[in-house]
Amino acid sequence: MTEPNLKLLGQAIKTFREQAQPQKISQFRLATLMHWEGTAPVVEIEKGRRHPRPETLNALGDVLQLSPADIAYLHGLAGYRPVTVMPPIEQIKRVLQTLIPDITQRLYPVYVMDYQFRFWMMNSAIAAYEEGNEDHLGDMLQYGVDGLRMSFDSRLLPHEGFGEIVERETLFRFKAMNLYRRHEPFYLAYPERMQEVLTAEDYARFVQRWQEVDVRMQDVYPITPQIEECIGETRMIFNIHMVEIVHLDRLFFVAYYEPKDDGAGNRERCEAFFTRNEPKNKTCVCAWDYSLNKAEV
């Protein structure tokens, strides 16, 4: 189980109370709905001075009309939910190694990430963005570049096209995938953690996007999101398909690019570009070939 974070728990309950629909719920009204005598329990909880029991959090969730995910978030902050445990590295390798032949042969980019958006595998098609420079892939794995940083770090982007749409899409996927892990240390470390690796300008943009992207009950997880990339004079549109790896408890997923059939030559442009910039020796770069042991991070 996680350590209780009563301060953050109180802040979360206060935020849910003040953002209640159709109108804000006052502390007095909340106390009345909870059948409490006076507002003291509400005040104590919101100030982080009282540790509510699980049944109290469930009742608060019902009164505030929270989603099951938001109620689970409160339970996590109170220390009643466990943190995610990664499988042993050898088990991870055993499953992911079976994917290498297929990932290696694909003409278009494919990568494997875990729920924290850390890269575990990349095919050499990604090197086409670097004119076939495969060293860049190894550097990304060795230095722990993850999916969020890749979308926001302007120093890593060799081409235009990773704009607001991709940034929002990346954050939406990250938050949606971790909707029930918002209480875990790795999640709470954002966005402060990104400040250590991004430039001031990139970090300011990350914080803005992080605050803007909020996964709500009514949001529909995009099935095949699209990104548009411009490399030189070549404009390409891709559908990105995300497939969870069930044999690793859905903690990993494969993301693969597929050109959009727009009837205006997009697929042909994509095929020509990646064929022209395809590395001589197709490979699949794996994280366990580098020093970083993600299973222990």
Protein backbone atom coordinates (compact mmCIF):
# COMPACT_ATOMS: atom_id res chain seq x y z
CA MET A 1 0.00 0.00 0.00
CA THR A 2 1.04 3.60 -0.51
CA GLU A 3 1.77 5.96 2.35
CA PRO A 4 -1.22 8.22 3.10
CA ASN A 5 -0.95 11.71 1.63
CA LEU A 6 -3.55 13.45 3.76
CA LYS A 7 -2.65 16.94 2.57
CA LEU A 8 -3.22 16.03 -1.07
CA LEU A 9 -6.29 14.01 -0.12
CA GLY A 10 -7.79 17.07 1.56
CA GLN A 11 -6.99 19.23 -1.45
CA ALA A 12 -8.60 16.70 -3.79
CA ILE A 13 -11.82 16.51 -1.74
CA LYS A 14 -11.98 20.31 -1.58
CA THR A 15 -11.50 20.53 -5.34
CA PHE A 16 -14.21 17.94 -6.00
CA ARG A 17 -16.55 19.79 -3.63
CA GLU A 18 -15.95 23.17 -5.26
CA GLN A 19 -16.28 21.74 -8.78
CA ALA A 20 -19.45 19.77 -8.02
CA GLN A 21 -22.22 19.97 -10.61
CA PRO A 22 -24.68 21.53 -11.16
CA GLN A 23 -23.26 23.88 -8.52
CA LYS A 24 -20.56 24.13 -5.88
CA ILE A 25 -21.26 22.37 -2.57
CA SER A 26 -20.42 24.34 0.56
CA GLN A 27 -18.73 22.79 3.56
CA PHE A 28 -21.97 23.17 5.49
CA ARG A 29 -23.98 21.46 2.74
CA LEU A 30 -21.47 18.62 2.52
CA ALA A 31 -21.60 18.09 6.28
CA THR A 32 -25.41 18.00 6.10
CA LEU A 33 -25.39 15.47 3.25
CA MET A 34 -22.93 13.32 5.23
CA HIS A 35 -25.17 13.56 8.33
CA TRP A 36 -22.39 15.12 10.35
CA GLU A 37 -23.06 17.52 13.18
CA GLY A 38 -21.27 20.66 12.11
CA THR A 39 -18.55 21.31 9.53
CA ALA A 40 -15.60 20.29 11.74
CA PRO A 41 -15.06 16.89 10.01
CA VAL A 42 -15.08 18.55 6.58
CA VAL A 43 -12.62 21.22 7.68
CA GLU A 44 -10.32 18.69 9.33
CA ILE A 45 -10.30 16.39 6.30
CA GLU A 46 -9.71 19.21 3.81
CA LYS A 47 -6.82 20.53 5.88
CA GLY A 48 -5.23 17.09 6.00
CA ARG A 49 -5.64 16.69 9.74
CA ARG A 50 -8.03 13.73 9.71
CA HIS A 51 -7.59 10.29 8.10
CA PRO A 52 -11.02 9.22 6.79
CA ARG A 53 -11.95 5.55 6.75
CA PRO A 54 -12.66 3.76 3.44
CA GLU A 55 -16.40 3.81 4.05
CA THR A 56 -16.26 7.55 4.67
CA LEU A 57 -14.49 8.08 1.34
CA ASN A 58 -17.13 5.96 -0.40
CA ALA A 59 -19.88 8.07 1.15
CA LEU A 60 -18.12 11.29 0.15
CA GLY A 61 -17.81 9.95 -3.37
CA ASP A 62 -21.54 9.24 -3.54
CA VAL A 63 -22.48 12.65 -2.14
CA LEU A 64 -20.11 14.46 -4.51
CA GLN A 65 -21.24 12.21 -7.41
CA LEU A 66 -17.70 11.14 -8.24
CA SER A 67 -16.76 8.53 -10.80
CA PRO A 68 -15.41 5.15 -9.63
CA ALA A 69 -11.96 6.28 -10.78
CA ASP A 70 -12.12 9.44 -8.68
CA ILE A 71 -13.26 7.49 -5.63
CA ALA A 72 -10.36 5.08 -6.18
CA TYR A 73 -8.07 8.12 -6.38
CA LEU A 74 -9.23 9.23 -2.92
CA HIS A 75 -8.67 5.72 -1.56
CA GLY A 76 -5.17 5.76 -3.02
CA LEU A 77 -4.29 9.11 -1.46
CA ALA A 78 -5.57 7.79 1.87
CA GLY A 79 -3.20 4.82 1.59
CA TYR A 80 -5.82 2.15 0.92
CA ARG A 81 -4.72 1.17 -2.60
CA PRO A 82 -1.51 -0.62 -3.66
CA VAL A 83 1.07 0.65 -6.09
CA THR A 84 1.63 -1.09 -9.41
CA VAL A 85 4.30 -3.79 -9.33
CA MET A 86 6.19 -4.54 -12.52
CA PRO A 87 6.91 -8.17 -13.42
CA PRO A 88 10.53 -9.35 -13.04
CA ILE A 89 12.79 -8.23 -15.88
CA GLU A 90 13.29 -11.79 -17.15
CA GLN A 91 9.54 -12.27 -17.51
CA ILE A 92 9.24 -8.98 -19.36
CA LYS A 93 12.03 -9.94 -21.74
CA ARG A 94 10.53 -13.37 -22.35
CA VAL A 95 7.27 -11.84 -23.58
CA LEU A 96 8.69 -8.86 -25.47
CA GLN A 97 11.32 -10.91 -27.28
CA THR A 98 8.56 -12.80 -29.08
CA LEU A 99 7.55 -9.51 -30.71
CA ILE A 100 11.00 -8.67 -32.11
CA PRO A 101 10.69 -10.38 -35.54
CA ASP A 102 7.43 -8.66 -36.41
CA ILE A 103 8.47 -5.25 -35.04
CA THR A 104 11.80 -5.39 -36.86
CA GLN A 105 10.31 -6.07 -40.30
CA ARG A 106 7.71 -3.31 -40.28
CA LEU A 107 8.39 -0.45 -42.69
CA TYR A 108 6.87 2.15 -40.39
CA PRO A 109 7.69 3.11 -36.78
CA VAL A 110 6.80 0.75 -33.95
CA TYR A 111 7.64 1.10 -30.28
CA VAL A 112 6.77 -0.63 -27.03
CA MET A 113 6.15 1.38 -23.87
CA ASP A 114 4.99 0.62 -20.35
CA TYR A 115 2.26 2.37 -18.38
CA GLN A 116 4.71 5.08 -17.34
CA PHE A 117 5.39 5.74 -21.05
CA ARG A 118 8.97 4.50 -20.77
CA PHE A 119 10.33 3.04 -23.98
CA TRP A 120 11.28 -0.65 -23.97
CA MET A 121 11.62 -1.40 -27.69
CA MET A 122 11.88 0.59 -30.93
CA ASN A 123 12.29 -0.55 -34.50
CA SER A 124 14.85 1.00 -36.81
CA ALA A 125 12.14 2.65 -38.91
CA ILE A 126 12.11 5.40 -36.30
CA ALA A 127 15.68 6.16 -37.36
CA ALA A 128 14.31 7.29 -40.73
CA TYR A 129 13.52 10.59 -39.06
CA GLU A 130 17.27 10.92 -38.46
CA GLU A 131 18.18 9.96 -42.02
CA GLY A 132 18.91 6.41 -40.90
CA ASN A 133 20.97 7.30 -37.81
CA GLU A 134 20.29 4.34 -35.50
CA ASP A 135 22.59 5.68 -32.76
CA HIS A 136 19.84 8.10 -31.84
CA LEU A 137 17.57 5.21 -30.81
CA GLY A 138 20.15 3.75 -28.46
CA ASP A 139 20.79 7.16 -26.94
CA MET A 140 17.09 7.60 -26.20
CA LEU A 141 16.95 4.29 -24.34
CA GLN A 142 20.26 4.76 -22.56
CA TYR A 143 19.34 8.19 -21.23
CA GLY A 144 15.80 7.28 -20.28
CA VAL A 145 13.89 9.44 -22.75
CA ASP A 146 10.20 8.58 -22.37
CA GLY A 147 7.13 9.26 -24.46
CA LEU A 148 6.20 12.45 -22.65
CA ARG A 149 9.64 13.96 -22.98
CA MET A 150 9.85 12.98 -26.65
CA SER A 151 6.63 14.91 -27.31
CA PHE A 152 7.73 18.08 -25.52
CA ASP A 153 11.53 18.32 -25.70
CA SER A 154 12.29 20.57 -28.68
CA ARG A 155 15.94 19.45 -28.59
CA LEU A 156 14.94 15.89 -29.48
CA LEU A 157 12.72 16.66 -32.43
CA PRO A 158 14.54 16.51 -35.77
CA HIS A 159 11.48 17.66 -37.69
CA GLU A 160 8.36 19.75 -37.43
CA GLY A 161 4.97 18.30 -36.67
CA PHE A 162 5.01 17.47 -32.95
CA GLY A 163 2.68 20.35 -32.13
CA GLU A 164 -0.25 20.94 -29.83
CA ILE A 165 -2.35 18.07 -31.17
CA VAL A 166 0.36 15.47 -30.52
CA GLU A 167 1.16 16.97 -27.11
CA ARG A 168 -2.47 16.84 -26.02
CA GLU A 169 -2.92 13.35 -27.45
CA THR A 170 0.16 12.06 -25.61
CA LEU A 171 -0.96 13.52 -22.29
CA PHE A 172 -4.51 12.29 -22.78
CA ARG A 173 -3.29 8.76 -23.38
CA PHE A 174 -0.93 8.93 -20.40
CA LYS A 175 -3.65 10.17 -18.05
CA ALA A 176 -6.28 7.80 -19.42
CA MET A 177 -4.00 4.78 -19.06
CA ASN A 178 -3.16 5.77 -15.48
CA LEU A 179 -6.59 6.88 -14.37
CA TYR A 180 -6.47 4.41 -11.47
CA ARG A 181 -2.82 5.13 -10.67
CA ARG A 182 -3.05 8.85 -9.98
CA HIS A 183 -2.11 8.25 -6.35
CA GLU A 184 1.15 6.48 -7.20
CA PRO A 185 4.52 8.23 -6.69
CA PHE A 186 5.52 8.20 -10.37
CA TYR A 187 2.30 10.00 -11.32
CA LEU A 188 2.43 12.53 -8.51
CA ALA A 189 5.99 13.40 -9.55
CA TYR A 190 4.61 15.08 -12.67
CA PRO A 191 4.96 17.80 -13.75
CA GLU A 192 7.84 18.67 -11.40
CA ARG A 193 9.92 15.78 -12.70
CA MET A 194 9.77 17.18 -16.21
CA GLN A 195 11.30 20.43 -15.02
CA GLU A 196 14.59 18.58 -14.57
CA VAL A 197 14.82 17.47 -18.21
CA LEU A 198 13.08 20.18 -20.25
CA THR A 199 14.13 23.68 -21.17
CA ALA A 200 12.25 26.48 -19.44
CA GLU A 201 10.18 27.14 -22.56
CA ASP A 202 9.35 23.46 -23.12
CA TYR A 203 8.52 23.00 -19.44
CA ALA A 204 6.13 25.96 -19.43
CA ARG A 205 4.32 24.41 -22.39
CA PHE A 206 4.22 21.02 -20.68
CA VAL A 207 2.68 22.50 -17.52
CA GLN A 208 0.07 24.33 -19.59
CA ARG A 209 -0.90 21.16 -21.45
CA TRP A 210 -0.86 19.09 -18.25
CA GLN A 211 -3.35 21.46 -16.64
CA GLU A 212 -5.53 21.63 -19.76
CA VAL A 213 -5.84 17.90 -20.40
CA ASP A 214 -8.30 16.41 -17.92
CA VAL A 215 -9.73 12.93 -18.39
CA ARG A 216 -13.42 13.03 -17.52
CA MET A 217 -16.10 10.36 -17.48
CA GLN A 218 -17.59 11.66 -20.73
CA ASP A 219 -14.29 11.57 -22.64
CA VAL A 220 -13.98 8.81 -25.21
CA TYR A 221 -10.55 7.26 -25.58
CA PRO A 222 -9.52 7.81 -29.21
CA ILE A 223 -9.30 4.53 -31.12
CA THR A 224 -7.01 5.53 -33.97
CA PRO A 225 -5.64 9.02 -33.35
CA GLN A 226 -3.89 10.74 -36.22
CA ILE A 227 -0.71 12.76 -36.36
CA GLU A 228 0.60 14.85 -39.20
CA GLU A 229 4.35 15.15 -39.64
CA CYS A 230 6.31 17.38 -41.99
CA ILE A 231 9.91 16.46 -42.74
CA GLY A 232 11.35 18.89 -45.20
CA GLU A 233 8.77 19.12 -47.97
CA THR A 234 7.29 15.70 -47.20
CA ARG A 235 3.93 15.81 -45.44
CA MET A 236 2.74 12.53 -43.95
CA ILE A 237 -0.38 11.58 -42.03
CA PHE A 238 -0.39 8.49 -39.80
CA ASN A 239 -2.95 6.61 -37.76
CA ILE A 240 -1.40 5.40 -34.51
CA HIS A 241 -2.74 2.10 -33.27
CA MET A 242 -2.25 1.13 -29.62
CA VAL A 243 -2.41 -2.53 -28.61
CA GLU A 244 -2.17 -3.60 -24.97
CA ILE A 245 0.02 -6.61 -24.19
CA VAL A 246 -2.31 -8.76 -22.11
CA HIS A 247 0.41 -11.27 -21.19
CA LEU A 248 2.08 -8.52 -19.14
CA ASP A 249 -1.06 -7.58 -17.23
CA ARG A 250 -1.79 -4.72 -19.64
CA LEU A 251 1.13 -2.77 -18.23
CA PHE A 252 2.75 -2.59 -21.68
CA PHE A 253 1.46 -1.64 -25.08
CA VAL A 254 2.64 -1.67 -28.67
CA ALA A 255 2.18 1.51 -30.71
CA TYR A 256 2.52 1.24 -34.47
CA TYR A 257 2.18 3.79 -37.26
CA GLU A 258 0.04 3.14 -40.32
CA PRO A 259 -0.32 5.66 -43.17
CA LYS A 260 -3.77 7.12 -43.58
CA ASP A 261 -5.50 6.30 -46.85
CA ASP A 262 -6.68 9.78 -47.78
CA GLY A 263 -7.04 9.23 -51.51
CA ALA A 264 -4.56 12.04 -52.13
CA GLY A 265 -1.31 10.09 -52.22
CA ASN A 266 -0.49 10.06 -48.51
CA ARG A 267 0.22 6.32 -48.34
CA GLU A 268 2.48 6.55 -51.38
CA ARG A 269 4.40 9.50 -49.88
CA CYS A 270 4.89 7.64 -46.61
CA GLU A 271 6.06 4.49 -48.34
CA ALA A 272 8.50 6.43 -50.53
CA PHE A 273 9.95 8.35 -47.60
CA PHE A 274 10.51 5.34 -45.34
CA THR A 275 11.81 3.19 -48.18
CA ARG A 276 14.27 5.90 -49.13
CA ASN A 277 15.48 6.42 -45.54
CA GLU A 278 15.27 2.80 -44.42
CA PRO A 279 18.42 1.62 -42.56
CA LYS A 280 20.44 -1.02 -44.38
CA ASN A 281 20.05 -3.48 -41.53
CA LYS A 282 16.62 -3.56 -39.96
CA THR A 283 16.83 -3.93 -36.20
CA CYS A 284 14.80 -3.69 -33.02
CA VAL A 285 16.53 -1.78 -30.22
CA CYS A 286 15.72 -3.12 -26.73
CA ALA A 287 16.03 -1.34 -23.41
CA TRP A 288 17.61 -4.30 -21.62
CA ASP A 289 20.65 -3.97 -23.86
CA TYR A 290 21.41 -0.72 -22.05
CA SER A 291 22.25 0.10 -18.47
CA LEU A 292 18.81 1.32 -17.42
CA ASN A 293 16.84 -1.39 -15.63
CA LYS A 294 13.30 -0.08 -15.79
CA ALA A 295 11.90 -2.93 -13.73
CA GLU A 296 13.63 -1.42 -10.72
CA VAL A 297 12.85 2.24 -11.43
